[in-house]
Amino acid sequence: MRILIIEEEVSFGNKLSEVLVADGYQVDVAENIGDAKYYLDIRNYDLVLLGWSEEQARINLVTTIKKDAHKTSVIVLSERTDKEK
Protein backbone atom coordinates (compact mmCIF):
# COMPACT_ATOMS: atom_id res chain seq x y z
CA MET A 1 0.00 0.00 0.00
CA ARG A 2 1.34 3.44 -0.94
CA ILE A 3 0.60 6.34 1.40
CA LEU A 4 1.15 10.08 0.99
CA ILE A 5 1.52 12.10 4.18
CA ILE A 6 0.88 15.84 3.78
CA GLU A 7 2.06 17.53 6.97
CA GLU A 8 3.71 20.91 7.53
CA GLU A 9 5.14 19.88 10.90
CA VAL A 10 8.23 18.09 9.62
CA SER A 11 9.04 16.09 12.75
CA PHE A 12 5.48 14.72 13.01
CA GLY A 13 5.38 13.80 9.31
CA ASN A 14 8.74 12.05 9.51
CA LYS A 15 7.82 10.13 12.67
CA LEU A 16 4.54 8.99 11.15
CA SER A 17 6.43 7.92 8.03
CA GLU A 18 8.95 5.92 10.08
CA VAL A 19 6.19 4.01 11.86
CA LEU A 20 4.37 3.21 8.61
CA VAL A 21 7.55 2.15 6.77
CA ALA A 22 8.44 -0.15 9.69
CA ASP A 23 5.03 -1.80 9.17
CA GLY A 24 5.80 -2.39 5.49
CA TYR A 25 4.03 0.55 3.80
CA GLN A 26 5.50 2.65 1.00
CA VAL A 27 5.38 6.26 2.17
CA ASP A 28 6.08 9.69 0.72
CA VAL A 29 6.02 12.86 2.83
CA ALA A 30 5.05 16.26 1.44
CA GLU A 31 5.65 19.31 3.63
CA ASN A 32 3.52 21.68 1.57
CA ILE A 33 0.74 21.75 -1.02
CA GLY A 34 3.14 22.20 -3.94
CA ASP A 35 5.06 19.04 -3.05
CA ALA A 36 1.80 17.18 -2.44
CA LYS A 37 0.51 18.08 -5.90
CA TYR A 38 3.79 16.94 -7.43
CA TYR A 39 3.60 13.53 -5.71
CA LEU A 40 -0.07 13.14 -6.64
CA ASP A 41 0.81 13.82 -10.29
CA ILE A 42 3.58 11.21 -10.49
CA ARG A 43 2.25 8.41 -8.28
CA ASN A 44 -0.96 6.60 -7.42
CA TYR A 45 -1.77 6.43 -3.72
CA ASP A 46 -4.09 4.16 -1.80
CA LEU A 47 -4.28 6.59 1.11
CA VAL A 48 -3.56 10.25 1.78
CA LEU A 49 -3.04 11.41 5.37
CA LEU A 50 -3.64 15.16 5.37
CA GLY A 51 -2.59 17.42 8.22
CA TRP A 52 -5.50 19.84 8.40
CA SER A 53 -5.58 23.60 8.39
CA GLU A 54 -8.34 25.88 7.22
CA GLU A 55 -6.19 26.98 4.32
CA GLN A 56 -8.34 27.01 1.17
CA ALA A 57 -5.64 25.19 -0.82
CA ARG A 58 -5.98 22.15 1.46
CA ILE A 59 -9.74 22.13 1.09
CA ASN A 60 -9.34 22.30 -2.68
CA LEU A 61 -6.72 19.54 -2.59
CA VAL A 62 -9.20 17.09 -1.04
CA THR A 63 -11.67 17.91 -3.82
CA THR A 64 -8.98 17.40 -6.47
CA ILE A 65 -7.87 14.07 -5.01
CA LYS A 66 -11.41 12.72 -4.93
CA LYS A 67 -12.07 13.93 -8.48
CA ASP A 68 -8.83 12.70 -10.07
CA ALA A 69 -8.25 9.58 -7.98
CA HIS A 70 -11.66 8.67 -6.65
CA LYS A 71 -10.45 5.34 -5.24
CA THR A 72 -7.85 7.07 -3.05
CA SER A 73 -8.95 7.38 0.57
CA VAL A 74 -8.25 10.63 2.44
CA ILE A 75 -7.93 10.83 6.21
CA VAL A 76 -7.71 14.30 7.73
CA LEU A 77 -5.52 14.65 10.82
CA SER A 78 -6.45 17.59 13.04
CA GLU A 79 -5.54 18.93 16.46
CA ARG A 80 -8.80 20.83 16.70
CA THR A 81 -11.10 19.91 19.52
CA ASP A 82 -14.14 21.98 18.53
CA LYS A 83 -16.57 20.46 16.07
CA GLU A 84 -18.29 23.65 14.95
CA LYS A 85 -15.91 24.64 12.14
PDB file of N, CA and C in Angstrom:
ATOM      1  N   MET A   1       0.846  -1.168   0.000  1.00  0.00           N
ATOM      2  CA  MET A   1       0.000   0.000   0.000  1.00  0.00           C
ATOM      3  C   MET A   1       0.897   1.239   0.000  1.00  0.00           C
ATOM      4  N   ARG A   2       0.578   2.191  -0.851  1.00  0.00           N
ATOM      5  CA  ARG A   2       1.335   3.440  -0.942  1.00  0.00           C
ATOM      6  C   ARG A   2       0.541   4.550  -0.269  1.00  0.00           C
ATOM      7  N   ILE A   3       1.232   5.283   0.616  1.00  0.00           N
ATOM      8  CA  ILE A   3       0.599   6.337   1.396  1.00  0.00           C
ATOM      9  C   ILE A   3       1.343   7.648   1.186  1.00  0.00           C
ATOM     10  N   LEU A   4       0.577   8.731   1.035  1.00  0.00           N
ATOM     11  CA  LEU A   4       1.146  10.079   0.989  1.00  0.00           C
ATOM     12  C   LEU A   4       0.749  10.805   2.264  1.00  0.00           C
ATOM     13  N   ILE A   5       1.756  11.293   2.984  1.00  0.00           N
ATOM     14  CA  ILE A   5       1.524  12.102   4.179  1.00  0.00           C
ATOM     15  C   ILE A   5       1.751  13.554   3.789  1.00  0.00           C
ATOM     16  N   ILE A   6       0.756  14.399   4.037  1.00  0.00           N
ATOM     17  CA  ILE A   6       0.882  15.835   3.782  1.00  0.00           C
ATOM     18  C   ILE A   6       0.817  16.522   5.139  1.00  0.00           C
ATOM     19  N   GLU A   7       1.971  16.980   5.613  1.00  0.00           N
ATOM     20  CA  GLU A   7       2.055  17.532   6.967  1.00  0.00           C
ATOM     21  C   GLU A   7       3.141  18.600   7.014  1.00  0.00           C
ATOM     22  N   GLU A   8       2.760  19.802   7.439  1.00  0.00           N
ATOM     23  CA  GLU A   8       3.709  20.914   7.530  1.00  0.00           C
ATOM     24  C   GLU A   8       4.676  20.751   8.690  1.00  0.00           C
ATOM     25  N   GLU A   9       4.252  20.103   9.755  1.00  0.00           N
ATOM     26  CA  GLU A   9       5.136  19.880  10.899  1.00  0.00           C
ATOM     27  C   GLU A   9       6.069  18.712  10.553  1.00  0.00           C
ATOM     28  N   VAL A  10       7.279  19.057  10.179  1.00  0.00           N
ATOM     29  CA  VAL A  10       8.233  18.091   9.618  1.00  0.00           C
ATOM     30  C   VAL A  10       8.484  16.918  10.558  1.00  0.00           C
ATOM     31  N   SER A  11       8.707  17.185  11.830  1.00  0.00           N
ATOM     32  CA  SER A  11       9.036  16.094  12.755  1.00  0.00           C
ATOM     33  C   SER A  11       7.877  15.104  12.892  1.00  0.00           C
ATOM     34  N   PHE A  12       6.641  15.599  12.915  1.00  0.00           N
ATOM     35  CA  PHE A  12       5.478  14.716  13.009  1.00  0.00           C
ATOM     36  C   PHE A  12       5.336  13.884  11.736  1.00  0.00           C
ATOM     37  N   GLY A  13       5.474  14.517  10.584  1.00  0.00           N
ATOM     38  CA  GLY A  13       5.380  13.796   9.311  1.00  0.00           C
ATOM     39  C   GLY A  13       6.428  12.709   9.190  1.00  0.00           C
ATOM     40  N   ASN A  14       7.655  13.034   9.591  1.00  0.00           N
ATOM     41  CA  ASN A  14       8.744  12.055   9.515  1.00  0.00           C
ATOM     42  C   ASN A  14       8.537  10.899  10.486  1.00  0.00           C
ATOM     43  N   LYS A  15       8.070  11.186  11.688  1.00  0.00           N
ATOM     44  CA  LYS A  15       7.824  10.131  12.671  1.00  0.00           C
ATOM     45  C   LYS A  15       6.706   9.201  12.197  1.00  0.00           C
ATOM     46  N   LEU A  16       5.637   9.784  11.691  1.00  0.00           N
ATOM     47  CA  LEU A  16       4.537   8.987  11.153  1.00  0.00           C
ATOM     48  C   LEU A  16       5.026   8.109  10.003  1.00  0.00           C
ATOM     49  N   SER A  17       5.856   8.670   9.151  1.00  0.00           N
ATOM     50  CA  SER A  17       6.428   7.918   8.031  1.00  0.00           C
ATOM     51  C   SER A  17       7.269   6.747   8.527  1.00  0.00           C
ATOM     52  N   GLU A  18       8.102   6.979   9.530  1.00  0.00           N
ATOM     53  CA  GLU A  18       8.954   5.919  10.077  1.00  0.00           C
ATOM     54  C   GLU A  18       8.121   4.746  10.591  1.00  0.00           C
ATOM     55  N   VAL A  19       7.057   5.056  11.298  1.00  0.00           N
ATOM     56  CA  VAL A  19       6.190   4.013  11.858  1.00  0.00           C
ATOM     57  C   VAL A  19       5.539   3.201  10.732  1.00  0.00           C
ATOM     58  N   LEU A  20       5.037   3.897   9.718  1.00  0.00           N
ATOM     59  CA  LEU A  20       4.370   3.206   8.607  1.00  0.00           C
ATOM     60  C   LEU A  20       5.343   2.374   7.778  1.00  0.00           C
ATOM     61  N   VAL A  21       6.526   2.900   7.530  1.00  0.00           N
ATOM     62  CA  VAL A  21       7.546   2.153   6.773  1.00  0.00           C
ATOM     63  C   VAL A  21       7.950   0.892   7.552  1.00  0.00           C
ATOM     64  N   ALA A  22       8.093   1.017   8.866  1.00  0.00           N
ATOM     65  CA  ALA A  22       8.442  -0.145   9.695  1.00  0.00           C
ATOM     66  C   ALA A  22       7.372  -1.235   9.612  1.00  0.00           C
ATOM     67  N   ASP A  23       6.129  -0.835   9.329  1.00  0.00           N
ATOM     68  CA  ASP A  23       5.032  -1.798   9.173  1.00  0.00           C
ATOM     69  C   ASP A  23       4.873  -2.278   7.735  1.00  0.00           C
ATOM     70  N   GLY A  24       5.788  -1.863   6.847  1.00  0.00           N
ATOM     71  CA  GLY A  24       5.800  -2.385   5.489  1.00  0.00           C
ATOM     72  C   GLY A  24       5.103  -1.544   4.435  1.00  0.00           C
ATOM     73  N   TYR A  25       4.687  -0.327   4.776  1.00  0.00           N
ATOM     74  CA  TYR A  25       4.034   0.545   3.802  1.00  0.00           C
ATOM     75  C   TYR A  25       5.057   1.354   3.019  1.00  0.00           C
ATOM     76  N   GLN A  26       4.696   1.739   1.801  1.00  0.00           N
ATOM     77  CA  GLN A  26       5.502   2.653   0.996  1.00  0.00           C
ATOM     78  C   GLN A  26       4.968   4.050   1.255  1.00  0.00           C
ATOM     79  N   VAL A  27       5.836   4.954   1.695  1.00  0.00           N
ATOM     80  CA  VAL A  27       5.383   6.257   2.166  1.00  0.00           C
ATOM     81  C   VAL A  27       6.188   7.388   1.531  1.00  0.00           C
ATOM     82  N   ASP A  28       5.475   8.438   1.130  1.00  0.00           N
ATOM     83  CA  ASP A  28       6.085   9.693   0.718  1.00  0.00           C
ATOM     84  C   ASP A  28       5.566  10.764   1.657  1.00  0.00           C
ATOM     85  N   VAL A  29       6.409  11.769   1.950  1.00  0.00           N
ATOM     86  CA  VAL A  29       6.018  12.860   2.832  1.00  0.00           C
ATOM     87  C   VAL A  29       6.136  14.173   2.075  1.00  0.00           C
ATOM     88  N   ALA A  30       5.054  14.939   2.058  1.00  0.00           N
ATOM     89  CA  ALA A  30       5.046  16.263   1.444  1.00  0.00           C
ATOM     90  C   ALA A  30       4.855  17.286   2.571  1.00  0.00           C
ATOM     91  N   GLU A  31       5.709  18.299   2.576  1.00  0.00           N
ATOM     92  CA  GLU A  31       5.647  19.307   3.634  1.00  0.00           C
ATOM     93  C   GLU A  31       4.804  20.516   3.253  1.00  0.00           C
ATOM     94  N   ASN A  32       4.348  20.552   2.008  1.00  0.00           N
ATOM     95  CA  ASN A  32       3.519  21.682   1.567  1.00  0.00           C
ATOM     96  C   ASN A  32       2.632  21.227   0.405  1.00  0.00           C
ATOM     97  N   ILE A  33       1.704  22.084   0.031  1.00  0.00           N
ATOM     98  CA  ILE A  33       0.737  21.749  -1.019  1.00  0.00           C
ATOM     99  C   ILE A  33       1.417  21.541  -2.365  1.00  0.00           C
ATOM    100  N   GLY A  34       2.423  22.345  -2.664  1.00  0.00           N
ATOM    101  CA  GLY A  34       3.140  22.197  -3.937  1.00  0.00           C
ATOM    102  C   GLY A  34       3.773  20.830  -4.080  1.00  0.00           C
ATOM    103  N   ASP A  35       4.456  20.377  -3.027  1.00  0.00           N
ATOM    104  CA  ASP A  35       5.061  19.045  -3.050  1.00  0.00           C
ATOM    105  C   ASP A  35       3.990  17.962  -3.130  1.00  0.00           C
ATOM    106  N   ALA A  36       2.889  18.157  -2.415  1.00  0.00           N
ATOM    107  CA  ALA A  36       1.801  17.182  -2.441  1.00  0.00           C
ATOM    108  C   ALA A  36       1.245  17.025  -3.852  1.00  0.00           C
ATOM    109  N   LYS A  37       1.024  18.136  -4.533  1.00  0.00           N
ATOM    110  CA  LYS A  37       0.509  18.080  -5.902  1.00  0.00           C
ATOM    111  C   LYS A  37       1.488  17.363  -6.819  1.00  0.00           C
ATOM    112  N   TYR A  38       2.773  17.612  -6.629  1.00  0.00           N
ATOM    113  CA  TYR A  38       3.795  16.937  -7.427  1.00  0.00           C
ATOM    114  C   TYR A  38       3.703  15.420  -7.228  1.00  0.00           C
ATOM    115  N   TYR A  39       3.689  14.971  -5.980  1.00  0.00           N
ATOM    116  CA  TYR A  39       3.597  13.532  -5.706  1.00  0.00           C
ATOM    117  C   TYR A  39       2.314  12.934  -6.274  1.00  0.00           C
ATOM    118  N   LEU A  40       1.211  13.638  -6.126  1.00  0.00           N
ATOM    119  CA  LEU A  40      -0.070  13.135  -6.642  1.00  0.00           C
ATOM    120  C   LEU A  40      -0.070  13.033  -8.164  1.00  0.00           C
ATOM    121  N   ASP A  41       0.717  13.879  -8.830  1.00  0.00           N
ATOM    122  CA  ASP A  41       0.812  13.822 -10.288  1.00  0.00           C
ATOM    123  C   ASP A  41       1.658  12.654 -10.782  1.00  0.00           C
ATOM    124  N   ILE A  42       2.659  12.241 -10.000  1.00  0.00           N
ATOM    125  CA  ILE A  42       3.582  11.215 -10.492  1.00  0.00           C
ATOM    126  C   ILE A  42       3.321   9.815  -9.940  1.00  0.00           C
ATOM    127  N   ARG A  43       2.496   9.707  -8.890  1.00  0.00           N
ATOM    128  CA  ARG A  43       2.250   8.407  -8.281  1.00  0.00           C
ATOM    129  C   ARG A  43       0.772   8.210  -7.980  1.00  0.00           C
ATOM    130  N   ASN A  44       0.397   6.956  -7.861  1.00  0.00           N
ATOM    131  CA  ASN A  44      -0.959   6.598  -7.424  1.00  0.00           C
ATOM    132  C   ASN A  44      -0.885   6.185  -5.958  1.00  0.00           C
ATOM    133  N   TYR A  45      -1.765   6.728  -5.153  1.00  0.00           N
ATOM    134  CA  TYR A  45      -1.773   6.431  -3.723  1.00  0.00           C
ATOM    135  C   TYR A  45      -3.059   5.722  -3.331  1.00  0.00           C
ATOM    136  N   ASP A  46      -2.919   4.823  -2.373  1.00  0.00           N
ATOM    137  CA  ASP A  46      -4.086   4.156  -1.804  1.00  0.00           C
ATOM    138  C   ASP A  46      -4.695   5.009  -0.703  1.00  0.00           C
ATOM    139  N   LEU A  47      -3.844   5.797  -0.031  1.00  0.00           N
ATOM    140  CA  LEU A  47      -4.281   6.586   1.107  1.00  0.00           C
ATOM    141  C   LEU A  47      -3.497   7.888   1.173  1.00  0.00           C
ATOM    142  N   VAL A  48      -4.199   8.963   1.507  1.00  0.00           N
ATOM    143  CA  VAL A  48      -3.562  10.251   1.776  1.00  0.00           C
ATOM    144  C   VAL A  48      -3.900  10.629   3.211  1.00  0.00           C
ATOM    145  N   LEU A  49      -2.867  10.890   4.015  1.00  0.00           N
ATOM    146  CA  LEU A  49      -3.041  11.406   5.369  1.00  0.00           C
ATOM    147  C   LEU A  49      -2.738  12.893   5.307  1.00  0.00           C
ATOM    148  N   LEU A  50      -3.742  13.706   5.553  1.00  0.00           N
ATOM    149  CA  LEU A  50      -3.636  15.157   5.369  1.00  0.00           C
ATOM    150  C   LEU A  50      -3.692  15.877   6.702  1.00  0.00           C
ATOM    151  N   GLY A  51      -2.591  16.552   7.050  1.00  0.00           N
ATOM    152  CA  GLY A  51      -2.591  17.419   8.222  1.00  0.00           C
ATOM    153  C   GLY A  51      -3.464  18.621   7.910  1.00  0.00           C
ATOM    154  N   TRP A  52      -4.474  18.854   8.720  1.00  0.00           N
ATOM    155  CA  TRP A  52      -5.502  19.843   8.397  1.00  0.00           C
ATOM    156  C   TRP A  52      -5.146  21.242   8.857  1.00  0.00           C
ATOM    157  N   SER A  53      -5.518  22.181   8.027  1.00  0.00           N
ATOM    158  CA  SER A  53      -5.584  23.599   8.386  1.00  0.00           C
ATOM    159  C   SER A  53      -6.749  24.149   7.583  1.00  0.00           C
ATOM    160  N   GLU A  54      -7.202  25.314   7.935  1.00  0.00           N
ATOM    161  CA  GLU A  54      -8.345  25.878   7.217  1.00  0.00           C
ATOM    162  C   GLU A  54      -7.916  26.602   5.947  1.00  0.00           C
ATOM    163  N   GLU A  55      -6.715  26.388   5.545  1.00  0.00           N
ATOM    164  CA  GLU A  55      -6.190  26.976   4.317  1.00  0.00           C
ATOM    165  C   GLU A  55      -7.015  26.475   3.129  1.00  0.00           C
ATOM    166  N   GLN A  56      -7.480  27.367   2.307  1.00  0.00           N
ATOM    167  CA  GLN A  56      -8.340  27.015   1.168  1.00  0.00           C
ATOM    168  C   GLN A  56      -7.664  26.016   0.233  1.00  0.00           C
ATOM    169  N   ALA A  57      -6.356  26.111   0.085  1.00  0.00           N
ATOM    170  CA  ALA A  57      -5.644  25.188  -0.816  1.00  0.00           C
ATOM    171  C   ALA A  57      -5.786  23.743  -0.347  1.00  0.00           C
ATOM    172  N   ARG A  58      -5.817  23.526   0.952  1.00  0.00           N
ATOM    173  CA  ARG A  58      -5.984  22.152   1.461  1.00  0.00           C
ATOM    174  C   ARG A  58      -7.398  21.639   1.215  1.00  0.00           C
ATOM    175  N   ILE A  59      -8.357  22.506   1.377  1.00  0.00           N
ATOM    176  CA  ILE A  59      -9.744  22.130   1.090  1.00  0.00           C
ATOM    177  C   ILE A  59      -9.880  21.764  -0.385  1.00  0.00           C
ATOM    178  N   ASN A  60      -9.297  22.576  -1.248  1.00  0.00           N
ATOM    179  CA  ASN A  60      -9.338  22.302  -2.684  1.00  0.00           C
ATOM    180  C   ASN A  60      -8.582  21.029  -3.039  1.00  0.00           C
ATOM    181  N   LEU A  61      -7.504  20.738  -2.314  1.00  0.00           N
ATOM    182  CA  LEU A  61      -6.723  19.539  -2.593  1.00  0.00           C
ATOM    183  C   LEU A  61      -7.551  18.277  -2.359  1.00  0.00           C
ATOM    184  N   VAL A  62      -8.344  18.253  -1.299  1.00  0.00           N
ATOM    185  CA  VAL A  62      -9.200  17.088  -1.042  1.00  0.00           C
ATOM    186  C   VAL A  62     -10.167  16.893  -2.207  1.00  0.00           C
ATOM    187  N   THR A  63     -10.748  17.981  -2.675  1.00  0.00           N
ATOM    188  CA  THR A  63     -11.667  17.915  -3.815  1.00  0.00           C
ATOM    189  C   THR A  63     -10.961  17.373  -5.047  1.00  0.00           C
ATOM    190  N   THR A  64      -9.757  17.848  -5.298  1.00  0.00           N
ATOM    191  CA  THR A  64      -8.985  17.399  -6.466  1.00  0.00           C
ATOM    192  C   THR A  64      -8.642  15.918  -6.364  1.00  0.00           C
ATOM    193  N   ILE A  65      -8.221  15.478  -5.194  1.00  0.00           N
ATOM    194  CA  ILE A  65      -7.871  14.069  -5.008  1.00  0.00           C
ATOM    195  C   ILE A  65      -9.082  13.191  -5.296  1.00  0.00           C
ATOM    196  N   LYS A  66     -10.223  13.549  -4.747  1.00  0.00           N
ATOM    197  CA  LYS A  66     -11.414  12.724  -4.928  1.00  0.00           C
ATOM    198  C   LYS A  66     -11.921  12.748  -6.367  1.00  0.00           C
ATOM    199  N   LYS A  67     -11.653  13.850  -7.086  1.00  0.00           N
ATOM    200  CA  LYS A  67     -12.070  13.933  -8.484  1.00  0.00           C
ATOM    201  C   LYS A  67     -11.122  13.138  -9.389  1.00  0.00           C
ATOM    202  N   ASP A  68      -9.824  13.311  -9.189  1.00  0.00           N
ATOM    203  CA  ASP A  68      -8.832  12.699 -10.072  1.00  0.00           C
ATOM    204  C   ASP A  68      -8.491  11.259  -9.706  1.00  0.00           C
ATOM    205  N   ALA A  69      -8.593  10.931  -8.446  1.00  0.00           N
ATOM    206  CA  ALA A  69      -8.246   9.585  -7.976  1.00  0.00           C
ATOM    207  C   ALA A  69      -9.314   9.133  -6.997  1.00  0.00           C
ATOM    208  N   HIS A  70     -10.505   8.913  -7.508  1.00  0.00           N
ATOM    209  CA  HIS A  70     -11.661   8.670  -6.651  1.00  0.00           C
ATOM    210  C   HIS A  70     -11.534   7.445  -5.755  1.00  0.00           C
ATOM    211  N   LYS A  71     -10.632   6.527  -6.074  1.00  0.00           N
ATOM    212  CA  LYS A  71     -10.453   5.344  -5.235  1.00  0.00           C
ATOM    213  C   LYS A  71      -9.469   5.593  -4.090  1.00  0.00           C
ATOM    214  N   THR A  72      -8.801   6.738  -4.102  1.00  0.00           N
ATOM    215  CA  THR A  72      -7.853   7.068  -3.047  1.00  0.00           C
ATOM    216  C   THR A  72      -8.613   7.562  -1.818  1.00  0.00           C
ATOM    217  N   SER A  73      -8.329   6.948  -0.676  1.00  0.00           N
ATOM    218  CA  SER A  73      -8.954   7.378   0.575  1.00  0.00           C
ATOM    219  C   SER A  73      -8.169   8.549   1.157  1.00  0.00           C
ATOM    220  N   VAL A  74      -8.877   9.473   1.805  1.00  0.00           N
ATOM    221  CA  VAL A  74      -8.249  10.627   2.442  1.00  0.00           C
ATOM    222  C   VAL A  74      -8.666  10.642   3.904  1.00  0.00           C
ATOM    223  N   ILE A  75      -7.669  10.685   4.781  1.00  0.00           N
ATOM    224  CA  ILE A  75      -7.927  10.831   6.211  1.00  0.00           C
ATOM    225  C   ILE A  75      -7.327  12.164   6.628  1.00  0.00           C
ATOM    226  N   VAL A  76      -8.148  12.984   7.281  1.00  0.00           N
ATOM    227  CA  VAL A  76      -7.712  14.298   7.730  1.00  0.00           C
ATOM    228  C   VAL A  76      -7.285  14.200   9.186  1.00  0.00           C
ATOM    229  N   LEU A  77      -6.056  14.646   9.461  1.00  0.00           N
ATOM    230  CA  LEU A  77      -5.523  14.649  10.819  1.00  0.00           C
ATOM    231  C   LEU A  77      -5.609  16.077  11.354  1.00  0.00           C
ATOM    232  N   SER A  78      -6.245  16.241  12.507  1.00  0.00           N
ATOM    233  CA  SER A  78      -6.454  17.593  13.036  1.00  0.00           C
ATOM    234  C   SER A  78      -6.242  17.612  14.537  1.00  0.00           C
ATOM    235  N   GLU A  79      -5.698  18.725  15.022  1.00  0.00           N
ATOM    236  CA  GLU A  79      -5.539  18.925  16.456  1.00  0.00           C
ATOM    237  C   GLU A  79      -6.746  19.649  17.049  1.00  0.00           C
ATOM    238  N   ARG A  80      -7.644  20.068  16.227  1.00  0.00           N
ATOM    239  CA  ARG A  80      -8.801  20.832  16.696  1.00  0.00           C
ATOM    240  C   ARG A  80      -9.684  19.982  17.602  1.00  0.00           C
ATOM    241  N   THR A  81     -10.202  20.616  18.616  1.00  0.00           N
ATOM    242  CA  THR A  81     -11.095  19.912  19.521  1.00  0.00           C
ATOM    243  C   THR A  81     -12.546  20.349  19.357  1.00  0.00           C
ATOM    244  N   ASP A  82     -12.761  21.528  18.756  1.00  0.00           N
ATOM    245  CA  ASP A  82     -14.140  21.980  18.534  1.00  0.00           C
ATOM    246  C   ASP A  82     -14.682  21.344  17.262  1.00  0.00           C
ATOM    247  N   LYS A  83     -15.947  21.120  17.223  1.00  0.00           N
ATOM    248  CA  LYS A  83     -16.565  20.457  16.067  1.00  0.00           C
ATOM    249  C   LYS A  83     -17.419  21.404  15.253  1.00  0.00           C
ATOM    250  N   GLU A  84     -17.428  22.676  15.615  1.00  0.00           N
ATOM    251  CA  GLU A  84     -18.293  23.646  14.952  1.00  0.00           C
ATOM    252  C   GLU A  84     -17.766  24.105  13.612  1.00  0.00           C
ATOM    253  N   LYS A  85     -16.469  24.116  13.385  1.00  0.00           N
ATOM    254  CA  LYS A  85     -15.910  24.645  12.143  1.00  0.00           C
ATOM    255  C   LYS A  85     -15.452  23.567  11.239  1.00  0.00           C
TER     256      LYS A  85
END
